Amino acid sequence: MKIKYNDIALFISDVDGTLTDGGMYYSSEGEIMKKFHTRDAVGLRLLQEQNIHVALITGEDSDIVKTRAKKLNIKLVYCGITNKLEILNQICGQLNISPEQVAYVGDDVNDLEIMRNVGISFAVSDAEESILTVATVRLTKPGGSGAVRQAANLILENI
């Protein structure tokens, strides 16, 4: 089956374990830091420049994610989400696109259902085995180390 990169209208990424290495730093006041890779940010910007919408969906309710999204000019940001498939359907309706026009990158079991329902699903190299099994494309880079950029590049090189 040929992957239809040129059909992609929306790129969605999970955050922890994909845009970050999955590590979370906590103080007694709560979460204080996450490390993001700058090349992932460039990849997301390059997608936006090709008129591909970018969204972030994460199970964590994190001000850090909201701040990072604002810096990257990502308007579709969903934090504290337990049902990512529901958000996928909501965004698709809002953008008037089908789930087949969506690419998603994930790493863990909370990404399983959404990955089964999009046109192209990417798994970071250090993803859980169930995610690696369901993914359309297994990336060679781990989360937080340019994996999202690798997925973006695959789309950009094939449109």
C-alpha atoms as a PDB file:
ATOM      1  CA  MET A   1       0.000   0.000   0.000  1.00  0.00           C
ATOM      2  CA  LYS A   2       1.394   3.395  -1.010  1.00  0.00           C
ATOM      3  CA  ILE A   3       1.245   6.005   1.727  1.00  0.00           C
ATOM      4  CA  LYS A   4      -0.651   9.087   0.550  1.00  0.00           C
ATOM      5  CA  TYR A   5       1.473  11.858   2.058  1.00  0.00           C
ATOM      6  CA  ASN A   6       0.108  14.429  -0.402  1.00  0.00           C
ATOM      7  CA  ASP A   7      -3.413  13.991   1.039  1.00  0.00           C
ATOM      8  CA  ILE A   8      -2.368  15.247   4.488  1.00  0.00           C
ATOM      9  CA  ALA A   9      -4.180  18.423   5.565  1.00  0.00           C
ATOM     10  CA  LEU A  10      -3.613  18.097   9.323  1.00  0.00           C
ATOM     11  CA  PHE A  11      -0.619  16.932  11.350  1.00  0.00           C
ATOM     12  CA  ILE A  12      -1.309  16.055  14.987  1.00  0.00           C
ATOM     13  CA  SER A  13       1.297  15.249  17.584  1.00  0.00           C
ATOM     14  CA  ASP A  14       1.086  13.897  21.069  1.00  0.00           C
ATOM     15  CA  VAL A  15       3.464  15.798  23.357  1.00  0.00           C
ATOM     16  CA  ASP A  16       5.037  13.764  26.169  1.00  0.00           C
ATOM     17  CA  GLY A  17       7.183  11.050  24.632  1.00  0.00           C
ATOM     18  CA  THR A  18       6.984  12.518  21.116  1.00  0.00           C
ATOM     19  CA  LEU A  19       7.825  16.235  21.243  1.00  0.00           C
ATOM     20  CA  THR A  20       9.616  15.538  24.538  1.00  0.00           C
ATOM     21  CA  ASP A  21      11.608  12.567  25.779  1.00  0.00           C
ATOM     22  CA  GLY A  22       8.774  11.785  28.176  1.00  0.00           C
ATOM     23  CA  GLY A  23      10.631  13.078  31.226  1.00  0.00           C
ATOM     24  CA  MET A  24       8.751  15.401  33.573  1.00  0.00           C
ATOM     25  CA  TYR A  25      10.446  17.556  36.165  1.00  0.00           C
ATOM     26  CA  TYR A  26       8.417  18.365  39.286  1.00  0.00           C
ATOM     27  CA  SER A  27       8.948  20.651  42.232  1.00  0.00           C
ATOM     28  CA  SER A  28       6.721  20.795  45.301  1.00  0.00           C
ATOM     29  CA  GLU A  29       4.699  23.420  43.387  1.00  0.00           C
ATOM     30  CA  GLY A  30       4.145  21.080  40.430  1.00  0.00           C
ATOM     31  CA  GLU A  31       5.550  20.554  36.959  1.00  0.00           C
ATOM     32  CA  ILE A  32       8.316  23.020  36.151  1.00  0.00           C
ATOM     33  CA  MET A  33      10.132  21.828  33.013  1.00  0.00           C
ATOM     34  CA  LYS A  34       9.906  19.807  29.808  1.00  0.00           C
ATOM     35  CA  LYS A  35      12.640  19.628  27.172  1.00  0.00           C
ATOM     36  CA  PHE A  36      11.621  20.192  23.543  1.00  0.00           C
ATOM     37  CA  HIS A  37      13.837  19.681  20.478  1.00  0.00           C
ATOM     38  CA  THR A  38      14.229  22.747  18.290  1.00  0.00           C
ATOM     39  CA  ARG A  39      14.273  20.712  15.059  1.00  0.00           C
ATOM     40  CA  ASP A  40      10.796  19.426  15.822  1.00  0.00           C
ATOM     41  CA  ALA A  41       9.651  23.048  16.046  1.00  0.00           C
ATOM     42  CA  VAL A  42      11.141  23.800  12.625  1.00  0.00           C
ATOM     43  CA  GLY A  43       9.408  20.747  11.163  1.00  0.00           C
ATOM     44  CA  LEU A  44       6.051  21.918  12.492  1.00  0.00           C
ATOM     45  CA  ARG A  45       6.646  25.402  11.069  1.00  0.00           C
ATOM     46  CA  LEU A  46       7.572  23.928   7.669  1.00  0.00           C
ATOM     47  CA  LEU A  47       4.306  21.973   7.645  1.00  0.00           C
ATOM     48  CA  GLN A  48       2.386  25.157   8.455  1.00  0.00           C
ATOM     49  CA  GLU A  49       4.160  26.940   5.602  1.00  0.00           C
ATOM     50  CA  GLN A  50       2.756  24.263   3.273  1.00  0.00           C
ATOM     51  CA  ASN A  51      -0.758  25.035   4.576  1.00  0.00           C
ATOM     52  CA  ILE A  52      -0.900  21.861   6.639  1.00  0.00           C
ATOM     53  CA  HIS A  53      -2.695  22.519   9.926  1.00  0.00           C
ATOM     54  CA  VAL A  54      -0.831  21.480  13.074  1.00  0.00           C
ATOM     55  CA  ALA A  55      -2.448  20.370  16.325  1.00  0.00           C
ATOM     56  CA  LEU A  56      -1.209  19.113  19.682  1.00  0.00           C
ATOM     57  CA  ILE A  57      -3.256  16.675  21.763  1.00  0.00           C
ATOM     58  CA  THR A  58      -1.959  15.602  25.148  1.00  0.00           C
ATOM     59  CA  GLY A  59      -3.306  13.827  28.174  1.00  0.00           C
ATOM     60  CA  GLU A  60      -1.375  16.198  30.425  1.00  0.00           C
ATOM     61  CA  ASP A  61      -2.964  19.487  31.440  1.00  0.00           C
ATOM     62  CA  SER A  62       0.212  21.506  31.129  1.00  0.00           C
ATOM     63  CA  ASP A  63       0.815  25.244  30.938  1.00  0.00           C
ATOM     64  CA  ILE A  64       4.237  24.388  29.500  1.00  0.00           C
ATOM     65  CA  VAL A  65       2.570  22.797  26.459  1.00  0.00           C
ATOM     66  CA  LYS A  66       0.309  25.816  26.021  1.00  0.00           C
ATOM     67  CA  THR A  67       3.308  28.149  26.189  1.00  0.00           C
ATOM     68  CA  ARG A  68       5.254  26.066  23.673  1.00  0.00           C
ATOM     69  CA  ALA A  69       2.268  25.943  21.307  1.00  0.00           C
ATOM     70  CA  LYS A  70       1.858  29.709  21.502  1.00  0.00           C
ATOM     71  CA  LYS A  71       5.529  30.213  20.623  1.00  0.00           C
ATOM     72  CA  LEU A  72       5.099  27.890  17.616  1.00  0.00           C
ATOM     73  CA  ASN A  73       1.868  29.620  16.537  1.00  0.00           C
ATOM     74  CA  ILE A  74      -0.139  26.412  16.974  1.00  0.00           C
ATOM     75  CA  LYS A  75      -3.761  27.316  17.614  1.00  0.00           C
ATOM     76  CA  LEU A  76      -5.195  23.781  17.856  1.00  0.00           C
ATOM     77  CA  VAL A  77      -4.004  22.776  21.336  1.00  0.00           C
ATOM     78  CA  TYR A  78      -5.868  20.267  23.477  1.00  0.00           C
ATOM     79  CA  CYS A  79      -4.541  19.515  26.966  1.00  0.00           C
ATOM     80  CA  GLY A  80      -5.887  17.102  29.581  1.00  0.00           C
ATOM     81  CA  ILE A  81      -7.528  14.929  26.930  1.00  0.00           C
ATOM     82  CA  THR A  82      -8.493  11.334  27.710  1.00  0.00           C
ATOM     83  CA  ASN A  83     -10.375  10.621  24.455  1.00  0.00           C
ATOM     84  CA  LYS A  84      -8.120  11.712  21.601  1.00  0.00           C
ATOM     85  CA  LEU A  85     -10.374  10.123  18.981  1.00  0.00           C
ATOM     86  CA  GLU A  86     -13.199  12.456  20.011  1.00  0.00           C
ATOM     87  CA  ILE A  87     -10.895  15.460  19.539  1.00  0.00           C
ATOM     88  CA  LEU A  88      -9.786  14.120  16.143  1.00  0.00           C
ATOM     89  CA  ASN A  89     -13.398  14.010  14.983  1.00  0.00           C
ATOM     90  CA  GLN A  90     -14.032  17.500  16.374  1.00  0.00           C
ATOM     91  CA  ILE A  91     -11.014  18.994  14.564  1.00  0.00           C
ATOM     92  CA  CYS A  92     -11.868  17.205  11.321  1.00  0.00           C
ATOM     93  CA  GLY A  93     -15.370  18.663  11.455  1.00  0.00           C
ATOM     94  CA  GLN A  94     -14.017  22.120  12.216  1.00  0.00           C
ATOM     95  CA  LEU A  95     -11.554  21.960   9.284  1.00  0.00           C
ATOM     96  CA  ASN A  96     -13.970  20.108   6.995  1.00  0.00           C
ATOM     97  CA  ILE A  97     -11.530  17.258   6.354  1.00  0.00           C
ATOM     98  CA  SER A  98     -11.684  13.493   6.812  1.00  0.00           C
ATOM     99  CA  PRO A  99      -9.562  11.472   9.254  1.00  0.00           C
ATOM    100  CA  GLU A 100      -7.813   9.963   6.215  1.00  0.00           C
ATOM    101  CA  GLN A 101      -6.287  13.425   5.637  1.00  0.00           C
ATOM    102  CA  VAL A 102      -4.648  13.378   9.066  1.00  0.00           C
ATOM    103  CA  ALA A 103      -1.155  12.315  10.126  1.00  0.00           C
ATOM    104  CA  TYR A 104      -0.558  11.560  13.806  1.00  0.00           C
ATOM    105  CA  VAL A 105       2.610  10.844  15.775  1.00  0.00           C
ATOM    106  CA  GLY A 106       2.402   8.996  19.073  1.00  0.00           C
ATOM    107  CA  ASP A 107       4.242   6.817  21.528  1.00  0.00           C
ATOM    108  CA  ASP A 108       1.969   5.136  24.077  1.00  0.00           C
ATOM    109  CA  VAL A 109      -1.309   3.274  24.551  1.00  0.00           C
ATOM    110  CA  ASN A 110      -3.375   6.459  24.908  1.00  0.00           C
ATOM    111  CA  ASP A 111      -2.522   7.103  21.228  1.00  0.00           C
ATOM    112  CA  LEU A 112      -3.702   3.703  19.983  1.00  0.00           C
ATOM    113  CA  GLU A 113      -7.287   4.529  18.944  1.00  0.00           C
ATOM    114  CA  ILE A 114      -6.477   7.800  17.214  1.00  0.00           C
ATOM    115  CA  MET A 115      -3.596   6.109  15.353  1.00  0.00           C
ATOM    116  CA  ARG A 116      -5.983   3.446  14.083  1.00  0.00           C
ATOM    117  CA  ASN A 117      -8.297   6.116  12.671  1.00  0.00           C
ATOM    118  CA  VAL A 118      -5.995   8.465  10.726  1.00  0.00           C
ATOM    119  CA  GLY A 119      -4.526   8.319   7.237  1.00  0.00           C
ATOM    120  CA  ILE A 120      -0.904   8.037   8.378  1.00  0.00           C
ATOM    121  CA  SER A 121       0.282   7.163  11.872  1.00  0.00           C
ATOM    122  CA  PHE A 122       3.881   7.560  13.000  1.00  0.00           C
ATOM    123  CA  ALA A 123       5.475   5.875  16.024  1.00  0.00           C
ATOM    124  CA  VAL A 124       8.626   7.260  17.616  1.00  0.00           C
ATOM    125  CA  SER A 125      11.366   4.612  17.781  1.00  0.00           C
ATOM    126  CA  ASP A 126      11.047   4.183  21.555  1.00  0.00           C
ATOM    127  CA  ALA A 127       7.250   3.837  21.500  1.00  0.00           C
ATOM    128  CA  GLU A 128       5.401   1.087  23.301  1.00  0.00           C
ATOM    129  CA  GLU A 129       5.248  -2.165  21.308  1.00  0.00           C
ATOM    130  CA  SER A 130       1.500  -1.871  20.649  1.00  0.00           C
ATOM    131  CA  ILE A 131       2.093   1.543  19.067  1.00  0.00           C
ATOM    132  CA  LEU A 132       4.971   0.266  16.952  1.00  0.00           C
ATOM    133  CA  THR A 133       2.694  -2.532  15.729  1.00  0.00           C
ATOM    134  CA  VAL A 134      -0.218  -0.284  14.688  1.00  0.00           C
ATOM    135  CA  ALA A 135       1.855   2.549  13.167  1.00  0.00           C
ATOM    136  CA  THR A 136       1.915   3.099   9.422  1.00  0.00           C
ATOM    137  CA  VAL A 137       5.511   4.340   9.766  1.00  0.00           C
ATOM    138  CA  ARG A 138       8.073   3.513  12.443  1.00  0.00           C
ATOM    139  CA  LEU A 139      10.393   6.460  12.892  1.00  0.00           C
ATOM    140  CA  THR A 140      14.091   5.879  13.591  1.00  0.00           C
ATOM    141  CA  LYS A 141      14.382   8.668  16.161  1.00  0.00           C
ATOM    142  CA  PRO A 142      13.096   8.520  19.735  1.00  0.00           C
ATOM    143  CA  GLY A 143      10.679  11.018  21.230  1.00  0.00           C
ATOM    144  CA  GLY A 144      12.200  14.386  22.057  1.00  0.00           C
ATOM    145  CA  SER A 145      15.135  13.783  19.703  1.00  0.00           C
ATOM    146  CA  GLY A 146      13.786  14.990  16.372  1.00  0.00           C
ATOM    147  CA  ALA A 147      11.235  12.242  15.705  1.00  0.00           C
ATOM    148  CA  VAL A 148       8.465  14.752  14.964  1.00  0.00           C
ATOM    149  CA  ARG A 149      10.796  16.515  12.515  1.00  0.00           C
ATOM    150  CA  GLN A 150      11.475  13.156  10.857  1.00  0.00           C
ATOM    151  CA  ALA A 151       7.729  12.609  10.408  1.00  0.00           C
ATOM    152  CA  ALA A 152       7.291  16.165   9.095  1.00  0.00           C
ATOM    153  CA  ASN A 153      10.151  15.652   6.640  1.00  0.00           C
ATOM    154  CA  LEU A 154       8.573  12.465   5.292  1.00  0.00           C
ATOM    155  CA  ILE A 155       5.386  14.379   4.544  1.00  0.00           C
ATOM    156  CA  LEU A 156       7.187  17.403   3.105  1.00  0.00           C
ATOM    157  CA  GLU A 157       9.433  15.295   0.863  1.00  0.00           C
ATOM    158  CA  ASN A 158       6.431  13.453  -0.585  1.00  0.00           C
ATOM    159  CA  ILE A 159       3.907  16.203  -1.288  1.00  0.00           C
END
